[in-house]
């Protein structure tokens, strides 16, 4: 069984994808239909495949994903074994074009929306593939000088790409985005191996690097590097098994998802200190930020869901089911859509931000309940995204209000009159109603 203790360092994080990819030699089934692009033996895939029901079929074991908010195109690693990238047109919600062949084991994707270039880190051959976003073709392959490659990120302000070398010690390679060649010596790190994710704050020209190559049961570390001086600024303690990292330059925050303890560490990027730790759920994986709405999307593998967190209050405002074994996530700050790569469903789930607050339709006096008899009533909380429902007060003992459906259900164990308040919340706003249930003897 796969556990965090068996996943050490950047290369080990992605070995699971290769194993699963080898097992997935038959099409997966979504909604009762087999995923298949070709209409017959040897036929090429069609140039456009519409996504249905908010799900895009992208091929075996997708993991890494990136978004260009300017062109509204999404790039996802469709097969870690064959080394391909699929492209989704966000405007039409369709998988477009033929698979783009990159290096062996694509594990990380970074998009420069200014130059319309996509950078794909290929784990097994230690390279970075450069894709031209206009033609969707590979225009260059950059050898990182190591046998393995880790995460990749881009600073659009300086047009510099940073890629983690693995198996050569702790260092990051800088790539000039104009020539797409390695620029200068590697950026040194204090950690033994670069960790699971990288991110850049373009406003401060700082690089954030996760390390989880620490003893089991110990917290992880986030290293902060000043890219101008190449000096280490801080080592910040995060949760156990740090996996995903996102930086919100506009709100001066960094977010780290921690796989083992199921938390999201929130960091002030000015003071390089922890602000809070939000419990999102075990197997917390990738994390993405919609800076325009100050919304954070946290992937939780144990429940095959995405927790939507309000950046101001750090409250979870939505709990969204996605596909099986979700891995990578990317958000488009212009359309406010998020995209989740589901490893075991061979799919990408599309998340759309709601445009209005939820409503609760049930009247304040609920149907009478009977002592020791099953009770079930739907409060009718509505909204494009399922709202999160919270209760203040005391429903009848034995009766609960579902956090995810706002359904009142259970078996009352005491007679009487019981008053409580229910608030349904989504990323746009909330609705609150007072309720009363009478339980007859």
Protein backbone atom coordinates (compact mmCIF):
# COMPACT_ATOMS: atom_id res chain seq x y z
CA UNK A 1 0.00 0.00 0.00
CA UNK A 2 1.27 3.45 -0.90
CA UNK A 3 2.06 5.59 2.11
CA UNK A 4 3.76 8.92 2.64
CA UNK A 5 6.59 7.18 4.47
CA UNK A 6 7.43 5.34 1.25
CA UNK A 7 7.53 8.61 -0.73
CA UNK A 8 10.84 10.33 -0.09
CA UNK A 9 12.06 13.28 -2.13
CA UNK A 10 10.95 14.62 -5.47
CA UNK A 11 11.55 11.49 -7.55
CA UNK A 12 9.63 9.21 -5.20
CA UNK A 13 6.57 11.45 -5.36
CA UNK A 14 6.09 10.67 -9.02
CA UNK A 15 7.05 6.97 -9.09
CA UNK A 16 3.50 6.12 -8.09
CA UNK A 17 2.23 7.68 -11.31
CA UNK A 18 4.49 5.44 -13.38
CA UNK A 19 3.32 2.31 -11.59
CA UNK A 20 -0.34 3.22 -11.99
CA UNK A 21 0.21 4.22 -15.60
CA UNK A 22 1.65 0.78 -16.33
CA UNK A 23 -1.47 -0.85 -14.90
CA UNK A 24 -3.88 1.29 -16.91
CA UNK A 25 -3.65 -0.53 -20.23
CA UNK A 26 -7.45 -0.51 -20.78
CA UNK A 27 -9.79 2.50 -21.06
CA UNK A 28 -11.32 3.78 -17.85
CA UNK A 29 -15.07 4.11 -17.49
CA UNK A 30 -16.71 7.43 -16.65
CA UNK A 31 -20.47 7.70 -16.41
CA UNK A 32 -20.84 4.20 -17.82
CA UNK A 33 -18.98 5.00 -21.06
CA UNK A 34 -15.54 3.78 -22.01
CA UNK A 35 -13.05 6.54 -22.80
CA UNK A 36 -11.73 6.11 -26.33
CA UNK A 37 -10.54 8.60 -28.93
CA UNK A 38 -10.16 6.36 -31.98
CA UNK A 39 -13.16 5.12 -33.95
CA UNK A 40 -11.34 2.05 -35.23
CA UNK A 41 -8.00 0.22 -35.12
CA UNK A 42 -5.23 2.54 -36.23
CA UNK A 43 -7.50 5.55 -36.62
CA UNK A 44 -6.08 8.84 -35.28
CA UNK A 45 -7.90 10.67 -32.51
CA UNK A 46 -10.33 13.40 -33.62
CA UNK A 47 -9.14 17.01 -33.51
CA UNK A 48 -11.75 18.03 -30.94
CA UNK A 49 -13.45 15.98 -28.22
CA UNK A 50 -16.09 17.84 -26.19
CA UNK A 51 -15.95 17.54 -22.42
CA UNK A 52 -19.22 16.24 -20.98
CA UNK A 53 -20.72 16.85 -17.57
CA UNK A 54 -17.76 18.97 -16.51
CA UNK A 55 -15.32 16.12 -17.23
CA UNK A 56 -12.70 15.95 -20.00
CA UNK A 57 -11.25 12.59 -21.12
CA UNK A 58 -7.51 13.14 -21.60
CA UNK A 59 -5.91 9.68 -21.68
CA UNK A 60 -4.10 7.45 -19.22
CA UNK A 61 -3.13 8.71 -15.77
CA UNK A 62 -3.09 12.53 -16.03
CA UNK A 63 -1.17 14.22 -13.23
CA UNK A 64 0.43 17.58 -14.02
CA UNK A 65 -1.66 20.50 -15.28
CA UNK A 66 -1.19 24.17 -16.15
CA UNK A 67 -3.31 27.05 -17.47
CA UNK A 68 -2.65 29.95 -19.79
CA UNK A 69 -5.22 32.57 -18.67
CA UNK A 70 -4.61 34.72 -21.75
CA UNK A 71 -5.37 32.05 -24.35
CA UNK A 72 -7.69 30.11 -22.01
CA UNK A 73 -5.93 26.85 -22.80
CA UNK A 74 -5.20 24.10 -20.31
CA UNK A 75 -2.25 21.73 -20.64
CA UNK A 76 -2.31 18.34 -18.93
CA UNK A 77 0.11 15.42 -18.93
CA UNK A 78 -2.02 12.74 -20.57
CA UNK A 79 0.34 9.78 -20.22
CA UNK A 80 3.40 9.72 -18.00
CA UNK A 81 4.76 6.58 -19.68
CA UNK A 82 4.38 7.63 -23.31
CA UNK A 83 5.25 11.25 -22.55
CA UNK A 84 2.36 13.24 -23.98
CA UNK A 85 0.52 16.48 -23.25
CA UNK A 86 -3.15 17.06 -24.07
CA UNK A 87 -4.65 20.52 -24.63
CA UNK A 88 -8.09 21.65 -23.47
CA UNK A 89 -9.75 24.72 -24.97
CA UNK A 90 -11.31 26.45 -21.96
CA UNK A 91 -13.69 28.49 -24.12
CA UNK A 92 -15.35 25.44 -25.68
CA UNK A 93 -14.53 22.89 -22.95
CA UNK A 94 -13.08 20.53 -25.53
CA UNK A 95 -9.90 18.48 -25.79
CA UNK A 96 -8.29 19.78 -28.97
CA UNK A 97 -5.57 18.66 -31.35
CA UNK A 98 -3.37 15.61 -31.25
CA UNK A 99 -1.34 14.60 -28.18
CA UNK A 100 1.92 16.56 -27.97
CA UNK A 101 4.91 14.26 -27.51
CA UNK A 102 7.39 15.52 -24.92
CA UNK A 103 10.09 13.76 -22.91
CA UNK A 104 9.85 10.66 -20.76
CA UNK A 105 7.71 11.01 -17.64
CA UNK A 106 6.21 14.54 -17.76
CA UNK A 107 5.61 15.46 -14.11
CA UNK A 108 5.31 19.23 -13.90
CA UNK A 109 3.98 22.00 -16.15
CA UNK A 110 4.62 25.76 -16.01
CA UNK A 111 3.03 28.27 -18.37
CA UNK A 112 4.37 31.68 -19.36
CA UNK A 113 1.25 33.53 -20.51
CA UNK A 114 3.32 36.51 -21.69
CA UNK A 115 5.40 34.54 -24.22
CA UNK A 116 2.78 31.79 -24.70
CA UNK A 117 5.30 29.07 -23.97
CA UNK A 118 4.66 25.96 -21.93
CA UNK A 119 7.48 24.27 -20.03
CA UNK A 120 7.18 20.57 -19.20
CA UNK A 121 9.59 18.88 -16.80
CA UNK A 122 10.33 15.29 -17.84
CA UNK A 123 11.32 13.17 -14.86
CA UNK A 124 12.92 10.15 -16.50
CA UNK A 125 15.26 11.84 -18.96
CA UNK A 126 16.14 14.92 -16.89
CA UNK A 127 14.90 17.46 -19.41
CA UNK A 128 12.43 20.30 -19.97
CA UNK A 129 10.33 20.37 -23.13
CA UNK A 130 9.37 23.80 -24.49
CA UNK A 131 5.97 23.97 -26.23
CA UNK A 132 4.96 26.85 -28.47
CA UNK A 133 1.39 27.73 -27.45
CA UNK A 134 0.48 29.00 -30.93
CA UNK A 135 1.34 25.82 -32.83
CA UNK A 136 1.15 23.44 -29.82
CA UNK A 137 4.41 21.83 -30.88
CA UNK A 138 7.67 21.20 -29.05
CA UNK A 139 10.21 23.76 -30.22
CA UNK A 140 13.08 22.82 -27.93
CA UNK A 141 14.24 20.27 -25.37
CA UNK A 142 16.55 21.48 -22.60
CA UNK A 143 18.90 19.00 -20.92
CA UNK A 144 19.08 19.81 -17.20
CA UNK A 145 22.30 17.88 -16.69
CA UNK A 146 20.82 15.32 -14.31
CA UNK A 147 19.31 11.88 -14.73
CA UNK A 148 16.01 12.95 -13.18
CA UNK A 149 13.99 16.16 -13.25
CA UNK A 150 11.56 17.53 -10.68
CA UNK A 151 9.13 20.43 -10.56
CA UNK A 152 9.25 23.49 -12.85
CA UNK A 153 8.00 27.06 -12.40
CA UNK A 154 8.24 30.36 -14.27
CA UNK A 155 8.75 34.03 -13.38
CA UNK A 156 6.82 35.87 -16.10
CA UNK A 157 8.23 39.23 -15.01
CA UNK A 158 11.86 38.23 -15.67
CA UNK A 159 11.04 35.55 -18.27
CA UNK A 160 13.07 33.01 -16.33
CA UNK A 161 12.15 29.38 -15.79
CA UNK A 162 13.32 27.36 -12.79
CA UNK A 163 13.55 23.56 -12.82
CA UNK A 164 14.58 21.20 -10.04
CA UNK A 165 17.43 18.82 -10.68
CA UNK A 166 17.20 15.49 -8.88
CA UNK A 167 19.86 12.93 -7.94
CA UNK A 168 22.57 15.59 -8.08
CA UNK A 169 22.05 17.31 -4.73
CA UNK A 170 20.01 20.32 -3.82
CA UNK A 171 19.99 22.80 -6.69
CA UNK A 172 17.68 24.53 -9.14
CA UNK A 173 18.49 25.23 -12.79
CA UNK A 174 17.64 28.68 -14.18
CA UNK A 175 16.56 28.86 -17.84
CA UNK A 176 16.53 32.04 -19.95
CA UNK A 177 13.06 32.27 -21.50
CA UNK A 178 14.32 34.24 -24.51
CA UNK A 179 16.84 31.66 -25.70
CA UNK A 180 15.45 28.70 -23.73
CA UNK A 181 18.94 27.81 -22.58
CA UNK A 182 20.37 27.30 -19.11
CA UNK A 183 21.44 30.63 -17.64
CA UNK A 184 24.36 30.70 -15.22
CA UNK A 185 25.20 28.20 -12.50
CA UNK A 186 22.43 26.34 -10.62
CA UNK A 187 20.72 28.06 -7.69
CA UNK A 188 22.10 26.33 -4.57
CA UNK A 189 19.78 25.06 -1.85
CA UNK A 190 20.35 24.00 1.73
CA UNK A 191 18.24 20.87 1.29
CA UNK A 192 19.63 17.56 0.09
CA UNK A 193 17.12 17.19 -2.73
CA UNK A 194 14.67 19.76 -4.14
CA UNK A 195 11.24 18.87 -2.90
CA UNK A 196 7.87 18.23 -4.45
CA UNK A 197 7.04 21.69 -5.79
CA UNK A 198 8.44 25.09 -6.74
CA UNK A 199 6.82 28.52 -6.99
CA UNK A 200 8.01 32.05 -7.75
CA UNK A 201 6.73 35.36 -6.42
CA UNK A 202 7.30 37.69 -9.41
CA UNK A 203 6.76 40.81 -7.30
CA UNK A 204 9.72 40.02 -5.01
CA UNK A 205 11.70 37.69 -7.31
CA UNK A 206 11.75 35.04 -4.62
CA UNK A 207 11.77 31.30 -5.17
CA UNK A 208 9.93 28.92 -2.84
CA UNK A 209 11.05 25.28 -2.72
CA UNK A 210 9.44 22.44 -0.78
CA UNK A 211 11.53 19.81 0.98
CA UNK A 212 10.12 16.66 2.49
CA UNK A 213 13.26 14.54 2.65
CA UNK A 214 13.07 14.57 6.43
CA UNK A 215 12.63 11.80 9.01
CA UNK A 216 9.16 10.22 9.13
CA UNK A 217 6.90 12.07 11.54
CA UNK A 218 8.87 15.31 11.27
CA UNK A 219 7.48 18.49 9.72
CA UNK A 220 8.49 19.53 6.23
CA UNK A 221 10.42 22.63 5.24
CA UNK A 222 9.82 25.46 2.77
CA UNK A 223 13.01 27.17 1.65
CA UNK A 224 12.87 30.79 0.45
CA UNK A 225 15.56 32.04 -1.97
CA UNK A 226 16.22 35.62 -3.10
CA UNK A 227 16.81 35.07 -6.83
CA UNK A 228 18.59 38.40 -7.26
CA UNK A 229 21.33 37.62 -4.75
CA UNK A 230 20.77 33.83 -4.74
CA UNK A 231 20.84 34.00 -0.96
CA UNK A 232 18.69 31.90 1.32
CA UNK A 233 16.22 34.10 3.18
CA UNK A 234 14.36 31.61 5.34
CA UNK A 235 13.57 28.00 6.18
CA UNK A 236 9.90 27.82 7.16
CA UNK A 237 8.45 24.83 8.99
CA UNK A 238 5.29 23.46 7.38
CA UNK A 239 3.20 20.32 7.93
CA UNK A 240 4.17 16.68 7.51
CA UNK A 241 4.70 15.44 3.97
CA UNK A 242 4.46 18.73 2.05
CA UNK A 243 3.20 18.05 -1.45
CA UNK A 244 1.73 21.09 -3.23
CA UNK A 245 2.70 24.78 -3.25
CA UNK A 246 1.09 27.95 -4.58
CA UNK A 247 2.06 31.61 -4.18
CA UNK A 248 -0.41 34.50 -4.30
CA UNK A 249 1.70 37.56 -5.03
CA UNK A 250 -1.25 39.98 -4.84
CA UNK A 251 -2.20 38.96 -1.31
CA UNK A 252 1.36 38.19 -0.15
CA UNK A 253 0.57 34.62 0.79
CA UNK A 254 1.99 31.17 0.08
CA UNK A 255 0.01 27.96 0.57
CA UNK A 256 1.47 24.50 1.21
CA UNK A 257 -0.62 21.34 1.13
CA UNK A 258 0.70 18.65 3.50
CA UNK A 259 -0.09 15.06 2.51
CA UNK A 260 0.42 13.27 5.83
CA UNK A 261 -1.29 15.52 8.38
CA UNK A 262 -3.95 16.79 5.97
CA UNK A 263 -3.30 20.48 6.54
CA UNK A 264 -2.72 23.53 4.40
CA UNK A 265 -0.01 25.79 5.82
CA UNK A 266 -0.63 29.50 5.15
CA UNK A 267 2.50 31.68 5.02
CA UNK A 268 2.99 35.45 5.02
CA UNK A 269 5.50 36.03 2.21
CA UNK A 270 6.58 39.40 3.61
CA UNK A 271 7.62 38.15 7.05
CA UNK A 272 8.26 34.55 5.91
CA UNK A 273 6.21 33.28 8.83
CA UNK A 274 3.27 30.92 9.22
CA UNK A 275 -0.12 32.64 9.48
CA UNK A 276 -2.35 29.63 10.00
CA UNK A 277 -2.81 25.92 9.43
CA UNK A 278 -6.11 24.91 7.82
CA UNK A 279 -7.35 21.32 8.15
CA UNK A 280 -8.38 20.30 4.63
CA UNK A 281 -8.24 16.49 4.81
CA UNK A 282 -5.71 13.66 4.68
CA UNK A 283 -3.73 13.16 1.48
CA UNK A 284 -3.74 16.89 0.76
CA UNK A 285 -1.99 17.15 -2.60
CA UNK A 286 -1.77 20.01 -5.07
CA UNK A 287 -3.02 23.52 -4.38
CA UNK A 288 -3.93 26.42 -6.69
CA UNK A 289 -4.91 30.06 -6.20
CA UNK A 290 -7.35 32.32 -8.01
CA UNK A 291 -5.74 35.59 -6.99
CA UNK A 292 -8.48 37.73 -8.55
CA UNK A 293 -11.10 36.32 -6.16
CA UNK A 294 -8.69 35.41 -3.31
CA UNK A 295 -9.81 31.79 -3.52
CA UNK A 296 -7.67 28.73 -2.82
CA UNK A 297 -8.36 25.27 -4.26
CA UNK A 298 -6.96 22.36 -2.24
CA UNK A 299 -6.91 18.81 -3.66
CA UNK A 300 -7.72 16.09 -1.09
CA UNK A 301 -6.98 12.56 -2.24
CA UNK A 302 -8.60 10.66 0.63
CA UNK A 303 -12.06 11.96 -0.29
CA UNK A 304 -11.51 12.53 -4.04
CA UNK A 305 -12.48 16.15 -3.57
CA UNK A 306 -11.38 19.76 -3.77
CA UNK A 307 -11.76 21.99 -0.74
CA UNK A 308 -12.45 25.62 -1.71
CA UNK A 309 -11.00 28.03 0.84
CA UNK A 310 -11.75 31.74 1.19
CA UNK A 311 -8.40 33.53 1.30
CA UNK A 312 -9.60 36.25 3.66
CA UNK A 313 -11.28 34.19 6.37
CA UNK A 314 -9.43 30.92 5.60
CA UNK A 315 -12.78 29.18 5.97
CA UNK A 316 -13.70 26.21 3.77
CA UNK A 317 -16.61 27.48 1.68
CA UNK A 318 -17.18 24.49 -0.60
CA UNK A 319 -16.37 20.78 -0.72
CA UNK A 320 -16.46 19.56 -4.32
CA UNK A 321 -16.33 15.93 -5.48
CA UNK A 322 -14.01 15.29 -8.43
CA UNK A 323 -12.57 12.15 -10.07
CA UNK A 324 -10.67 9.27 -8.55
CA UNK A 325 -7.21 10.00 -7.17
CA UNK A 326 -7.02 13.71 -8.05
CA UNK A 327 -3.45 15.00 -8.43
CA UNK A 328 -2.68 18.29 -10.11
CA UNK A 329 -4.83 21.42 -10.11
CA UNK A 330 -4.61 24.78 -11.89
CA UNK A 331 -6.83 27.87 -11.72
CA UNK A 332 -7.58 30.51 -14.34
CA UNK A 333 -7.78 33.92 -12.60
CA UNK A 334 -9.61 35.45 -15.58
CA UNK A 335 -12.43 32.94 -16.05
CA UNK A 336 -12.35 31.76 -12.40
CA UNK A 337 -12.45 28.13 -13.51
CA UNK A 338 -10.23 25.49 -11.94
CA UNK A 339 -9.08 22.23 -13.54
CA UNK A 340 -8.23 19.00 -11.70
CA UNK A 341 -6.25 16.08 -13.17
CA UNK A 342 -7.72 12.77 -11.95
CA UNK A 343 -5.10 10.04 -12.15
CA UNK A 344 -7.34 6.95 -11.95
CA UNK A 345 -10.24 8.35 -13.99
CA UNK A 346 -8.05 9.43 -16.94
CA UNK A 347 -9.89 12.73 -16.79
CA UNK A 348 -9.86 16.41 -15.93
CA UNK A 349 -12.66 17.82 -13.77
CA UNK A 350 -13.79 21.38 -14.48
CA UNK A 351 -14.75 23.56 -11.50
CA UNK A 352 -16.66 26.76 -12.15
CA UNK A 353 -16.92 29.50 -9.56
CA UNK A 354 -20.56 30.29 -8.71
CA UNK A 355 -21.95 33.68 -9.68
CA UNK A 356 -24.39 34.02 -6.79
CA UNK A 357 -24.72 33.12 -3.13
CA UNK A 358 -26.69 30.01 -2.14
CA UNK A 359 -30.29 30.03 -0.97
CA UNK A 360 -32.22 27.90 1.54
CA UNK A 361 -35.81 27.25 0.50
CA UNK A 362 -37.28 25.40 3.51
CA UNK A 363 -39.67 27.32 5.79
CA UNK A 364 -38.72 27.91 9.42
CA UNK A 365 -41.10 25.31 10.93
CA UNK A 366 -39.95 21.88 9.80
CA UNK A 367 -42.18 18.79 9.61
CA UNK A 368 -42.85 17.15 12.97
CA UNK A 369 -40.63 14.27 14.00
CA UNK A 370 -41.51 11.23 16.09
CA UNK A 371 -39.42 9.86 18.94
CA UNK A 372 -37.22 6.94 17.89
CA UNK A 373 -38.52 7.09 14.31
CA UNK A 374 -36.18 7.86 11.36
CA UNK A 375 -36.42 11.48 10.23
CA UNK A 376 -35.30 12.97 6.89
CA UNK A 377 -35.87 16.43 5.45
CA UNK A 378 -33.99 18.38 2.78
CA UNK A 379 -33.64 22.11 3.60
CA UNK A 380 -33.27 22.87 -0.12
CA UNK A 381 -29.91 24.62 -0.13
CA UNK A 382 -29.22 25.59 -3.73
CA UNK A 383 -26.34 27.03 -5.71
CA UNK A 384 -24.13 26.19 -8.68
CA UNK A 385 -21.58 24.68 -6.30
CA UNK A 386 -22.80 22.55 -3.42
CA UNK A 387 -22.67 24.89 -0.41
CA UNK A 388 -21.09 24.09 2.92
CA UNK A 389 -23.76 23.93 5.65
CA UNK A 390 -23.03 24.83 9.25
CA UNK A 391 -25.30 24.62 12.30
CA UNK A 392 -25.59 26.86 15.35
CA UNK A 393 -27.88 25.68 18.15
CA UNK A 394 -29.24 22.25 18.98
CA UNK A 395 -31.13 19.99 16.60
CA UNK A 396 -32.88 17.08 18.33
CA UNK A 397 -30.43 14.57 19.85
CA UNK A 398 -29.80 11.85 17.28
CA UNK A 399 -30.51 14.21 14.36
CA UNK A 400 -27.81 16.00 12.37
CA UNK A 401 -27.59 18.47 9.49
CA UNK A 402 -25.31 17.24 6.69
CA UNK A 403 -22.41 19.58 6.07
CA UNK A 404 -22.40 18.82 2.35
CA UNK A 405 -26.14 18.48 1.52
CA UNK A 406 -27.99 20.50 4.20
CA UNK A 407 -30.24 17.47 4.75
CA UNK A 408 -31.67 17.06 8.26
CA UNK A 409 -31.61 13.35 9.10
CA UNK A 410 -31.38 10.89 11.94
CA UNK A 411 -33.48 9.21 14.63
CA UNK A 412 -34.59 11.51 17.51
CA UNK A 413 -33.80 10.12 20.94
CA UNK A 414 -35.62 12.79 22.98
CA UNK A 415 -39.02 14.47 22.66
CA UNK A 416 -39.45 18.25 22.78
CA UNK A 417 -39.05 21.44 20.76
CA UNK A 418 -35.63 22.19 19.31
CA UNK A 419 -34.38 25.41 17.69
CA UNK A 420 -31.26 25.83 15.57
CA UNK A 421 -29.76 27.96 12.80
CA UNK A 422 -28.33 26.77 9.48
CA UNK A 423 -25.93 28.76 7.30
CA UNK A 424 -25.17 27.65 3.74
CA UNK A 425 -21.97 29.14 2.29
CA UNK A 426 -20.23 29.12 -1.08
CA UNK A 427 -17.36 31.27 -2.43
CA UNK A 428 -19.72 34.14 -3.29
CA UNK A 429 -21.72 34.47 -0.08
CA UNK A 430 -24.04 32.76 2.37
CA UNK A 431 -27.66 32.32 3.41
CA UNK A 432 -28.90 31.79 6.98
CA UNK A 433 -32.25 30.50 8.25
CA UNK A 434 -33.68 29.65 11.69
CA UNK A 435 -35.51 26.36 12.17
CA UNK A 436 -37.68 24.58 14.68
CA UNK A 437 -38.42 20.86 14.96
CA UNK A 438 -40.99 19.40 17.31
CA UNK A 439 -40.39 15.78 18.32
CA UNK A 440 -43.53 14.06 19.53
CA UNK A 441 -43.34 11.37 22.26
